[in-house]
């Protein structure tokens, strides 16, 4: 049996099921009386009260984040009862300790197997392995070939415009990596992690995801889906892969103000939802949810397409009995494009979360085993990653695996040399989908105006992304085994080839997307 993949960082395992047994955010976050970060949402959805500083000071806090566009603040306080004290003011809707955010990625432990395709009828074919790729490690990039992002596919039509800016919010980026630096806008890149003020990636995940979107064609390593777009790194998670919702909110506000074209986010959390979606009443006990919802709407209103990972626990996120009152991924918010992951043979990756109304599209995310766990590595041909996906890895990562690939620019082993890693997860699928979206904007957007104007509205981009995706029918039989060790070891596909809960509208296709108007 193949070695199972292991998470690189602490994963959220069955958060909704464990929530009832866990301490509340306030209890867990402030039990020792040390200074904590608190989120405060005001009843007014824009602007801040005139006396906000005095109000917060009286409750024993100091404002460290101001979000006037969406009526929120971040506060540092060691007062155990800060939330109760500040909520005595009638202008405050709710306050609580800021919730933790983590990664959705699964680090590959070695060669293994892929997800199980076994589709029914009406499935549309994806790209083949025999396509030509421009860079030396391109033969490993089966994921890009599945999306027809190749010399024979979308690269021949559209490689992306420099004016299209993709904001990848993650652990930062290795600013010195040869497959990141040429397209990275350092001036616009920013950290929202106070204790790691630079955008340099000390984890690796951010470097991987940003390279998947737009690694340049340069004769070294790999190429991204949109190799000519501008990449912007937003550090919202630290070297351990942890951050807070306030960091995410700040990044979404920044994206809206800067009018970036796309945000790509491979993040997970566990937040109580409001009982009513619109956050104009006090019927909500989660300031994090309120501020994330408002920030999402702010970004969308400013022309930003938000693309988010669905997570890797094999959950049916549409199961209201379990997830009806919990938000476990940013893509669960209205206004996000939710991305599920597929394996080498286009089946749902064994780990990928899914759900009717939650999955919008699917994209290759890698899958190092089939549903039964029976090894069959020959199915991946000569791919060294065992059906996982290769991407750039940071030289300053604390996790450098013996399975990582090093490629040098000189003959043989002549430096400088750069790292590449094989990973699997909806974290990998998400930047692949974001890259296709960037090509859509590059091909059909309006670039006749100033830099800070919207090139193409998110609803238009999302529509083309979905229409041009390759429809995938449910497998036969439609109930499959994901992982015997999962909380829910089986998953049942429901819906038609045009839309179902495993693949949404289908697997994104770069070539179909950029030739859509030619048909």
Protein backbone atom coordinates (compact mmCIF):
# COMPACT_ATOMS: atom_id res chain seq x y z
CA UNK A 1 0.00 0.00 0.00
CA UNK A 2 1.29 3.47 -0.81
CA UNK A 3 2.39 5.84 1.90
CA UNK A 4 -0.50 8.19 2.68
CA UNK A 5 0.08 11.90 2.27
CA UNK A 6 0.46 13.92 5.44
CA UNK A 7 -0.55 17.50 6.07
CA UNK A 8 2.39 19.88 6.09
CA UNK A 9 0.66 21.97 8.72
CA UNK A 10 -2.03 21.48 11.30
CA UNK A 11 -5.28 20.82 9.45
CA UNK A 12 -8.79 21.53 10.67
CA UNK A 13 -10.20 18.01 11.05
CA UNK A 14 -14.00 17.81 11.30
CA UNK A 15 -14.26 21.36 12.71
CA UNK A 16 -18.03 21.41 12.77
CA UNK A 17 -18.24 18.13 14.64
CA UNK A 18 -15.60 19.16 17.15
CA UNK A 19 -17.01 22.62 17.74
CA UNK A 20 -19.41 21.53 20.47
CA UNK A 21 -16.54 20.08 22.51
CA UNK A 22 -14.13 22.98 22.04
CA UNK A 23 -13.73 26.14 24.08
CA UNK A 24 -15.30 29.22 22.56
CA UNK A 25 -12.96 31.63 20.83
CA UNK A 26 -13.21 34.01 23.76
CA UNK A 27 -12.51 31.32 26.36
CA UNK A 28 -9.64 29.74 24.45
CA UNK A 29 -8.12 33.00 23.25
CA UNK A 30 -8.09 35.00 26.44
CA UNK A 31 -8.09 32.42 29.21
CA UNK A 32 -4.57 33.28 30.32
CA UNK A 33 -5.09 37.03 30.32
CA UNK A 34 -2.39 37.74 27.72
CA UNK A 35 -2.92 40.30 25.01
CA UNK A 36 -5.15 38.96 22.24
CA UNK A 37 -6.48 40.24 18.94
CA UNK A 38 -10.21 40.92 18.97
CA UNK A 39 -12.60 41.59 16.08
CA UNK A 40 -15.36 44.17 16.50
CA UNK A 41 -18.23 44.72 14.07
CA UNK A 42 -20.42 47.80 14.37
CA UNK A 43 -24.10 47.96 13.50
CA UNK A 44 -23.37 50.49 10.79
CA UNK A 45 -21.90 48.71 7.77
CA UNK A 46 -19.70 51.66 6.86
CA UNK A 47 -17.89 54.29 8.88
CA UNK A 48 -16.73 54.17 12.49
CA UNK A 49 -18.31 55.86 15.52
CA UNK A 50 -16.79 59.27 16.29
CA UNK A 51 -15.87 58.14 19.80
CA UNK A 52 -14.46 54.75 18.75
CA UNK A 53 -11.01 55.23 20.32
CA UNK A 54 -12.42 56.33 23.65
CA UNK A 55 -14.99 53.53 23.60
CA UNK A 56 -12.34 50.87 23.00
CA UNK A 57 -9.96 52.38 25.58
CA UNK A 58 -12.68 52.26 28.24
CA UNK A 59 -13.07 48.53 27.55
CA UNK A 60 -9.32 48.06 27.99
CA UNK A 61 -8.23 47.85 24.35
CA UNK A 62 -6.18 49.59 21.68
CA UNK A 63 -7.26 49.77 18.03
CA UNK A 64 -4.68 48.21 15.70
CA UNK A 65 -6.81 47.70 12.56
CA UNK A 66 -9.34 50.20 11.17
CA UNK A 67 -11.85 49.14 8.53
CA UNK A 68 -14.06 52.18 8.04
CA UNK A 69 -15.44 51.02 4.67
CA UNK A 70 -17.14 48.04 6.34
CA UNK A 71 -17.71 49.26 9.90
CA UNK A 72 -15.14 47.17 11.73
CA UNK A 73 -11.95 47.31 13.79
CA UNK A 74 -9.28 45.03 15.19
CA UNK A 75 -8.32 45.54 18.81
CA UNK A 76 -5.53 44.33 21.06
CA UNK A 77 -6.59 43.78 24.66
CA UNK A 78 -5.70 41.60 27.64
CA UNK A 79 -9.07 42.25 29.26
CA UNK A 80 -10.78 38.87 29.64
CA UNK A 81 -14.20 40.52 29.37
CA UNK A 82 -13.31 42.94 26.57
CA UNK A 83 -16.08 41.67 24.28
CA UNK A 84 -18.78 42.08 26.92
CA UNK A 85 -17.45 45.47 27.98
CA UNK A 86 -17.24 46.97 24.49
CA UNK A 87 -20.66 45.60 23.57
CA UNK A 88 -22.20 47.77 26.28
CA UNK A 89 -21.94 50.52 23.69
CA UNK A 90 -25.08 50.58 21.55
CA UNK A 91 -23.13 51.09 18.31
CA UNK A 92 -21.41 47.67 18.60
CA UNK A 93 -23.10 44.69 16.97
CA UNK A 94 -20.73 42.00 18.25
CA UNK A 95 -17.13 41.45 19.39
CA UNK A 96 -15.00 38.35 19.98
CA UNK A 97 -11.44 37.05 19.72
CA UNK A 98 -10.35 36.93 16.05
CA UNK A 99 -10.67 33.38 14.69
CA UNK A 100 -7.67 31.45 13.36
CA UNK A 101 -7.25 30.76 9.65
CA UNK A 102 -5.06 27.92 8.30
CA UNK A 103 -4.02 26.31 5.01
CA UNK A 104 -5.99 23.77 2.99
CA UNK A 105 -2.94 22.07 1.43
CA UNK A 106 -1.82 18.47 1.80
CA UNK A 107 1.94 17.87 1.51
CA UNK A 108 2.77 14.83 -0.62
CA UNK A 109 4.83 12.20 1.19
CA UNK A 110 5.98 10.41 -1.94
CA UNK A 111 4.75 8.60 -4.99
CA UNK A 112 1.26 7.16 -4.77
CA UNK A 113 -1.99 6.94 -6.68
CA UNK A 114 -4.64 9.16 -8.17
CA UNK A 115 -8.35 9.76 -7.75
CA UNK A 116 -10.84 7.42 -9.35
CA UNK A 117 -12.48 8.72 -12.54
CA UNK A 118 -14.88 6.00 -13.64
CA UNK A 119 -17.27 8.55 -15.09
CA UNK A 120 -20.70 8.04 -16.51
CA UNK A 121 -21.93 9.44 -19.84
CA UNK A 122 -21.84 13.04 -21.14
CA UNK A 123 -18.35 13.69 -19.74
CA UNK A 124 -16.28 16.14 -21.79
CA UNK A 125 -12.66 15.25 -22.44
CA UNK A 126 -9.83 17.22 -20.86
CA UNK A 127 -6.35 17.77 -22.29
CA UNK A 128 -3.98 14.88 -22.99
CA UNK A 129 -0.49 14.15 -21.67
CA UNK A 130 1.13 14.41 -25.08
CA UNK A 131 0.87 18.21 -25.23
CA UNK A 132 4.08 20.20 -25.42
CA UNK A 133 5.19 22.31 -22.46
CA UNK A 134 7.81 25.06 -22.73
CA UNK A 135 9.97 24.60 -19.62
CA UNK A 136 12.17 21.66 -18.47
CA UNK A 137 9.85 20.39 -15.73
CA UNK A 138 6.81 20.78 -17.96
CA UNK A 139 6.65 17.03 -18.55
CA UNK A 140 5.60 16.76 -14.88
CA UNK A 141 2.82 19.33 -15.26
CA UNK A 142 -0.05 16.99 -16.11
CA UNK A 143 -2.38 19.40 -14.33
CA UNK A 144 -1.70 22.20 -16.82
CA UNK A 145 -2.16 19.76 -19.71
CA UNK A 146 -5.55 18.67 -18.34
CA UNK A 147 -6.59 22.34 -18.56
CA UNK A 148 -5.01 22.71 -22.02
CA UNK A 149 -2.61 25.34 -20.67
CA UNK A 150 0.22 24.32 -22.99
CA UNK A 151 2.08 25.27 -26.16
CA UNK A 152 -0.57 23.35 -28.09
CA UNK A 153 -3.38 24.96 -26.12
CA UNK A 154 -3.95 28.34 -24.50
CA UNK A 155 -0.30 29.47 -24.69
CA UNK A 156 -0.74 29.71 -28.47
CA UNK A 157 -3.69 32.08 -28.01
CA UNK A 158 -3.30 33.98 -24.73
CA UNK A 159 -0.58 33.91 -22.07
CA UNK A 160 -1.96 36.74 -19.97
CA UNK A 161 -1.52 40.51 -19.88
CA UNK A 162 0.79 42.36 -17.52
CA UNK A 163 -2.10 44.68 -16.67
CA UNK A 164 -4.00 41.74 -15.16
CA UNK A 165 -3.06 41.47 -11.49
CA UNK A 166 -3.69 38.31 -9.48
CA UNK A 167 -3.49 38.74 -5.70
CA UNK A 168 -2.57 35.44 -4.03
CA UNK A 169 -3.28 35.59 -0.28
CA UNK A 170 -1.24 32.93 1.46
CA UNK A 171 2.11 32.59 3.29
CA UNK A 172 3.84 35.12 1.03
CA UNK A 173 6.23 34.33 -1.82
CA UNK A 174 9.90 33.59 -2.30
CA UNK A 175 10.87 36.88 -3.93
CA UNK A 176 14.09 35.33 -5.21
CA UNK A 177 12.63 32.25 -6.90
CA UNK A 178 13.25 32.26 -10.65
CA UNK A 179 9.68 31.05 -11.31
CA UNK A 180 8.10 33.79 -9.18
CA UNK A 181 10.31 36.90 -9.18
CA UNK A 182 9.99 37.91 -12.88
CA UNK A 183 6.22 38.39 -12.61
CA UNK A 184 6.05 39.48 -8.95
CA UNK A 185 5.06 43.08 -8.19
CA UNK A 186 7.09 43.64 -5.03
CA UNK A 187 5.84 47.20 -4.58
CA UNK A 188 2.20 46.10 -4.45
CA UNK A 189 2.87 42.93 -2.41
CA UNK A 190 2.11 43.30 1.28
CA UNK A 191 2.11 41.45 4.61
CA UNK A 192 -0.83 41.47 7.01
CA UNK A 193 1.08 39.37 9.54
CA UNK A 194 2.49 41.78 12.17
CA UNK A 195 5.26 39.46 13.36
CA UNK A 196 6.35 38.71 9.77
CA UNK A 197 6.29 42.13 8.09
CA UNK A 198 8.02 41.05 4.86
CA UNK A 199 6.32 39.09 2.09
CA UNK A 200 9.14 36.50 2.02
CA UNK A 201 7.69 33.00 2.33
CA UNK A 202 9.05 30.98 5.27
CA UNK A 203 6.57 28.18 4.71
CA UNK A 204 6.51 27.29 1.01
CA UNK A 205 2.76 27.07 0.38
CA UNK A 206 2.46 30.65 -0.87
CA UNK A 207 5.34 30.22 -3.31
CA UNK A 208 3.70 27.07 -4.67
CA UNK A 209 0.29 28.63 -5.18
CA UNK A 210 1.53 31.86 -6.74
CA UNK A 211 3.74 29.94 -9.18
CA UNK A 212 0.76 27.82 -10.26
CA UNK A 213 -1.03 30.97 -11.36
CA UNK A 214 1.76 32.70 -13.23
CA UNK A 215 5.23 31.13 -13.26
CA UNK A 216 6.90 32.65 -16.35
CA UNK A 217 8.06 30.78 -19.41
CA UNK A 218 11.79 31.22 -18.96
CA UNK A 219 13.57 27.99 -19.76
CA UNK A 220 13.77 26.94 -16.10
CA UNK A 221 11.46 24.78 -13.98
CA UNK A 222 7.74 25.14 -14.67
CA UNK A 223 5.25 27.49 -16.32
CA UNK A 224 2.01 28.77 -14.82
CA UNK A 225 -1.48 28.82 -16.30
CA UNK A 226 -1.11 32.53 -17.12
CA UNK A 227 2.66 33.01 -17.49
CA UNK A 228 2.54 36.70 -18.47
CA UNK A 229 0.22 38.14 -15.80
CA UNK A 230 1.34 40.24 -12.85
CA UNK A 231 1.50 38.41 -9.53
CA UNK A 232 0.94 40.14 -6.20
CA UNK A 233 1.64 38.38 -2.91
CA UNK A 234 -0.49 39.03 0.15
CA UNK A 235 0.91 37.42 3.27
CA UNK A 236 -1.98 36.55 5.60
CA UNK A 237 -0.46 33.40 7.15
CA UNK A 238 2.85 33.08 8.97
CA UNK A 239 5.60 30.47 8.67
CA UNK A 240 3.46 27.91 10.53
CA UNK A 241 0.53 28.46 8.16
CA UNK A 242 -1.60 30.27 10.74
CA UNK A 243 -3.29 33.66 10.65
CA UNK A 244 -6.50 35.42 11.65
CA UNK A 245 -9.68 36.40 9.90
CA UNK A 246 -8.74 40.04 10.44
CA UNK A 247 -5.72 39.52 8.24
CA UNK A 248 -7.96 38.03 5.55
CA UNK A 249 -10.41 40.92 5.88
CA UNK A 250 -7.57 43.43 5.53
CA UNK A 251 -6.31 41.66 2.42
CA UNK A 252 -9.76 41.69 0.79
CA UNK A 253 -10.15 45.38 1.55
CA UNK A 254 -6.72 46.02 0.05
CA UNK A 255 -7.67 44.04 -3.05
CA UNK A 256 -10.81 46.13 -3.44
CA UNK A 257 -9.03 49.44 -2.99
CA UNK A 258 -6.32 48.44 -5.46
CA UNK A 259 -8.91 46.90 -7.79
CA UNK A 260 -6.92 43.75 -8.36
CA UNK A 261 -8.51 41.53 -10.97
CA UNK A 262 -8.49 38.29 -8.96
CA UNK A 263 -7.91 37.03 -5.43
CA UNK A 264 -6.79 33.42 -5.05
CA UNK A 265 -7.19 32.01 -1.53
CA UNK A 266 -6.35 28.49 -0.38
CA UNK A 267 -7.42 28.90 3.25
CA UNK A 268 -9.63 27.20 5.83
CA UNK A 269 -11.33 28.41 9.00
CA UNK A 270 -14.20 27.57 11.34
CA UNK A 271 -16.61 30.43 12.01
CA UNK A 272 -20.23 30.54 13.18
CA UNK A 273 -22.51 31.91 10.49
CA UNK A 274 -25.04 34.63 11.08
CA UNK A 275 -28.60 33.40 11.28
CA UNK A 276 -29.57 35.98 8.68
CA UNK A 277 -27.12 36.46 5.82
CA UNK A 278 -27.33 40.23 5.65
CA UNK A 279 -25.49 41.65 8.62
CA UNK A 280 -27.72 44.56 9.51
CA UNK A 281 -29.23 43.06 12.66
CA UNK A 282 -27.80 41.79 15.92
CA UNK A 283 -28.83 38.24 15.04
CA UNK A 284 -25.18 37.14 14.86
CA UNK A 285 -22.51 36.23 17.41
CA UNK A 286 -19.52 36.24 15.04
CA UNK A 287 -17.78 39.49 14.14
CA UNK A 288 -15.43 37.47 11.92
CA UNK A 289 -18.30 36.29 9.72
CA UNK A 290 -19.78 39.77 9.52
CA UNK A 291 -16.49 41.39 8.53
CA UNK A 292 -15.57 38.65 6.04
CA UNK A 293 -18.99 38.95 4.42
CA UNK A 294 -18.75 42.74 4.20
CA UNK A 295 -15.18 42.59 2.89
CA UNK A 296 -16.25 40.06 0.25
CA UNK A 297 -18.99 42.35 -0.98
CA UNK A 298 -16.61 45.33 -0.94
CA UNK A 299 -14.07 43.48 -3.09
CA UNK A 300 -16.69 42.22 -5.54
CA UNK A 301 -18.19 45.70 -5.85
CA UNK A 302 -14.74 46.95 -6.83
CA UNK A 303 -14.37 44.39 -9.61
CA UNK A 304 -12.41 41.65 -7.83
CA UNK A 305 -13.14 37.99 -8.65
CA UNK A 306 -12.67 35.88 -5.52
CA UNK A 307 -11.54 32.27 -6.03
CA UNK A 308 -11.38 29.98 -2.99
CA UNK A 309 -10.45 26.41 -2.04
CA UNK A 310 -13.11 24.13 -0.56
CA UNK A 311 -10.85 22.12 1.76
CA UNK A 312 -9.52 18.58 2.05
CA UNK A 313 -11.54 16.59 4.58
CA UNK A 314 -13.96 14.83 2.23
CA UNK A 315 -16.91 16.81 3.63
CA UNK A 316 -20.22 17.43 1.91
CA UNK A 317 -20.32 21.15 2.71
CA UNK A 318 -23.97 21.32 1.63
CA UNK A 319 -24.98 19.06 4.53
CA UNK A 320 -27.00 21.54 6.56
CA UNK A 321 -27.26 19.23 9.56
CA UNK A 322 -23.50 19.53 10.01
CA UNK A 323 -22.45 22.76 8.32
CA UNK A 324 -25.67 24.76 8.42
CA UNK A 325 -24.35 27.11 11.08
CA UNK A 326 -20.59 26.91 10.35
CA UNK A 327 -18.33 28.46 7.73
CA UNK A 328 -15.28 26.22 7.22
CA UNK A 329 -13.92 27.77 4.02
CA UNK A 330 -13.93 31.28 2.56
CA UNK A 331 -15.46 29.83 -0.60
CA UNK A 332 -18.59 29.14 1.44
CA UNK A 333 -19.34 32.87 1.47
CA UNK A 334 -21.67 34.26 -1.15
CA UNK A 335 -19.56 36.00 -3.79
CA UNK A 336 -16.73 33.44 -3.97
CA UNK A 337 -15.99 30.91 -6.72
CA UNK A 338 -15.67 27.57 -4.89
CA UNK A 339 -13.11 25.14 -6.34
CA UNK A 340 -13.01 21.37 -5.77
CA UNK A 341 -9.99 19.23 -6.70
CA UNK A 342 -9.58 16.48 -9.29
CA UNK A 343 -6.94 13.80 -9.77
CA UNK A 344 -4.83 12.58 -12.69
CA UNK A 345 -7.76 10.80 -14.33
CA UNK A 346 -10.25 13.66 -13.75
CA UNK A 347 -12.07 11.99 -10.85
CA UNK A 348 -12.85 13.91 -7.69
CA UNK A 349 -9.69 13.83 -5.59
CA UNK A 350 -10.30 11.46 -2.68
CA UNK A 351 -9.81 14.24 -0.11
CA UNK A 352 -11.72 17.07 -1.81
CA UNK A 353 -14.69 18.64 -0.08
CA UNK A 354 -17.76 18.97 -2.27
CA UNK A 355 -21.41 20.02 -2.13
CA UNK A 356 -24.35 21.17 -4.21
CA UNK A 357 -24.37 24.95 -4.43
CA UNK A 358 -20.89 25.14 -2.91
CA UNK A 359 -18.76 23.81 -5.78
CA UNK A 360 -18.73 26.16 -8.77
CA UNK A 361 -15.91 24.55 -10.78
CA UNK A 362 -13.26 21.88 -10.37
CA UNK A 363 -9.57 21.98 -11.26
CA UNK A 364 -6.63 19.58 -11.06
CA UNK A 365 -5.38 19.41 -7.47
CA UNK A 366 -3.46 16.13 -7.46
CA UNK A 367 -4.39 12.87 -5.76
CA UNK A 368 -1.80 10.36 -4.63
CA UNK A 369 -4.17 7.40 -4.17
CA UNK A 370 -7.38 6.03 -5.58
CA UNK A 371 -10.61 5.69 -3.63
CA UNK A 372 -9.77 2.22 -2.38
CA UNK A 373 -6.15 3.01 -1.53
CA UNK A 374 -4.88 0.19 -3.75
CA UNK A 375 -1.53 1.20 -5.30
CA UNK A 376 -1.35 1.46 -9.04
CA UNK A 377 1.43 3.97 -9.67
CA UNK A 378 1.68 2.95 -13.33
CA UNK A 379 -1.51 4.91 -13.93
CA UNK A 380 0.53 8.10 -13.58
CA UNK A 381 2.92 7.11 -16.30
CA UNK A 382 6.37 8.56 -15.76
CA UNK A 383 5.28 11.40 -13.49
CA UNK A 384 7.64 11.41 -10.50
CA UNK A 385 5.15 13.00 -8.14
CA UNK A 386 2.86 9.98 -8.03
CA UNK A 387 -0.07 11.99 -9.42
CA UNK A 388 0.62 14.96 -7.18
CA UNK A 389 1.36 18.34 -8.77
CA UNK A 390 4.67 20.14 -9.07
CA UNK A 391 5.12 23.82 -8.20
CA UNK A 392 7.79 26.22 -7.00
CA UNK A 393 8.92 25.89 -3.37
CA UNK A 394 10.53 28.51 -1.16
CA UNK A 395 14.24 28.39 -0.34
CA UNK A 396 13.41 29.85 3.08
CA UNK A 397 10.84 27.18 3.94
CA UNK A 398 11.31 25.28 7.18
CA UNK A 399 9.98 22.17 5.43
CA UNK A 400 12.24 20.95 2.64
CA UNK A 401 11.48 17.34 1.77
CA UNK A 402 13.73 14.70 0.26
CA UNK A 403 11.03 14.38 -2.41
CA UNK A 404 11.44 18.00 -3.50
CA UNK A 405 13.12 18.67 -6.85
CA UNK A 406 16.04 21.06 -7.28
CA UNK A 407 16.75 22.47 -10.70
CA UNK A 408 19.78 24.60 -11.50
CA UNK A 409 20.16 27.19 -14.23
CA UNK A 410 23.61 26.01 -15.31
CA UNK A 411 24.60 22.68 -16.85
CA UNK A 412 24.52 19.78 -14.43
CA UNK A 413 24.28 21.09 -10.87
CA UNK A 414 25.70 24.56 -11.51
CA UNK A 415 24.02 27.20 -9.26
CA UNK A 416 21.86 29.12 -8.88
CA UNK A 417 19.41 26.34 -8.11
CA UNK A 418 15.70 26.50 -7.26
CA UNK A 419 13.34 24.20 -5.38
CA UNK A 420 10.13 22.58 -6.63
CA UNK A 421 7.70 20.44 -4.61
CA UNK A 422 4.93 17.93 -5.31
CA UNK A 423 1.69 18.68 -3.46
CA UNK A 424 -1.97 17.75 -3.50
CA UNK A 425 -5.03 19.60 -2.27
CA UNK A 426 -7.78 22.03 -3.14
CA UNK A 427 -5.02 24.56 -2.41
CA UNK A 428 -3.44 23.39 -5.67
CA UNK A 429 -6.70 23.39 -7.63
CA UNK A 430 -7.59 26.95 -6.64
CA UNK A 431 -4.65 28.83 -8.25
CA UNK A 432 -5.13 26.66 -11.35
CA UNK A 433 -8.71 27.93 -11.63
CA UNK A 434 -7.59 31.49 -10.80
CA UNK A 435 -5.05 31.28 -13.62
CA UNK A 436 -7.76 30.39 -16.13
CA UNK A 437 -9.82 33.33 -14.85
CA UNK A 438 -6.80 35.59 -15.41
CA UNK A 439 -6.61 34.41 -19.03
CA UNK A 440 -10.31 35.18 -19.49
CA UNK A 441 -9.79 38.75 -18.30
CA UNK A 442 -6.67 39.08 -20.47
CA UNK A 443 -8.57 37.89 -23.55
CA UNK A 444 -11.88 39.71 -23.14
CA UNK A 445 -11.28 42.53 -20.66
CA UNK A 446 -11.32 46.27 -21.39
CA UNK A 447 -7.79 47.70 -21.17
CA UNK A 448 -8.50 51.06 -22.78
CA UNK A 449 -8.81 52.97 -19.51
CA UNK A 450 -6.66 53.84 -16.52
CA UNK A 451 -4.83 51.29 -14.38
CA UNK A 452 -7.22 51.42 -11.44
CA UNK A 453 -10.37 50.76 -13.43
CA UNK A 454 -12.16 47.42 -13.61
CA UNK A 455 -11.02 45.37 -16.61
CA UNK A 456 -13.89 42.89 -16.46
CA UNK A 457 -16.63 42.45 -13.89
CA UNK A 458 -16.53 39.29 -11.74
CA UNK A 459 -19.94 38.05 -12.88
CA UNK A 460 -18.75 38.06 -16.51
CA UNK A 461 -15.51 36.24 -15.69
CA UNK A 462 -17.27 33.65 -13.55
CA UNK A 463 -19.84 33.01 -16.27
CA UNK A 464 -17.20 32.25 -18.92
CA UNK A 465 -15.18 30.18 -16.45
CA UNK A 466 -18.22 27.97 -15.83
CA UNK A 467 -19.55 27.82 -19.40
CA UNK A 468 -16.19 26.76 -20.82
CA UNK A 469 -15.42 24.18 -18.12
CA UNK A 470 -15.38 20.56 -19.28
CA UNK A 471 -18.54 18.95 -17.88
CA UNK A 472 -17.90 15.86 -15.78
CA UNK A 473 -20.63 13.32 -15.10
CA UNK A 474 -20.95 11.53 -11.78
CA UNK A 475 -18.94 8.29 -11.47
CA UNK A 476 -20.64 4.92 -11.80
CA UNK A 477 -21.53 3.87 -9.15
CA UNK A 478 -22.11 7.35 -7.80
CA UNK A 479 -21.11 6.52 -4.19
CA UNK A 480 -17.35 6.23 -3.83
CA UNK A 481 -14.90 5.54 -1.03
CA UNK A 482 -12.80 8.59 -0.19
CA UNK A 483 -10.56 7.49 2.68
CA UNK A 484 -11.46 4.85 5.29
CA UNK A 485 -9.91 7.06 7.97
CA UNK A 486 -12.05 10.10 7.17
CA UNK A 487 -14.95 11.17 9.37
CA UNK A 488 -17.11 10.43 6.33
CA UNK A 489 -15.36 7.63 4.40
CA UNK A 490 -17.77 7.68 1.44
CA UNK A 491 -19.16 10.40 -0.81
CA UNK A 492 -22.19 10.35 -3.09
CA UNK A 493 -22.25 12.32 -6.33
CA UNK A 494 -25.58 13.92 -7.23
CA UNK A 495 -26.59 15.91 -10.29
CA UNK A 496 -26.05 15.89 -14.04
CA UNK A 497 -22.93 16.29 -16.16
CA UNK A 498 -23.81 19.97 -16.59
CA UNK A 499 -23.72 20.50 -12.82
CA UNK A 500 -23.16 18.16 -9.89
CA UNK A 501 -21.90 18.30 -6.34
CA UNK A 502 -18.46 16.80 -7.13
CA UNK A 503 -17.35 18.95 -10.08
CA UNK A 504 -19.75 21.87 -10.18
CA UNK A 505 -19.92 23.02 -13.81
CA UNK A 506 -16.85 20.95 -14.69
CA UNK A 507 -13.04 21.08 -14.87
CA UNK A 508 -11.76 24.48 -15.99
CA UNK A 509 -10.23 24.62 -19.48
CA UNK A 510 -7.80 27.39 -20.45
CA UNK A 511 -8.04 26.88 -24.21
CA UNK A 512 -11.84 26.73 -24.31
CA UNK A 513 -11.94 29.81 -22.08
CA UNK A 514 -9.81 32.00 -24.34
CA UNK A 515 -11.49 30.83 -27.56
CA UNK A 516 -15.04 31.04 -26.20
CA UNK A 517 -16.02 34.06 -28.31
CA UNK A 518 -14.58 32.45 -31.42
CA UNK A 519 -17.09 29.61 -31.34
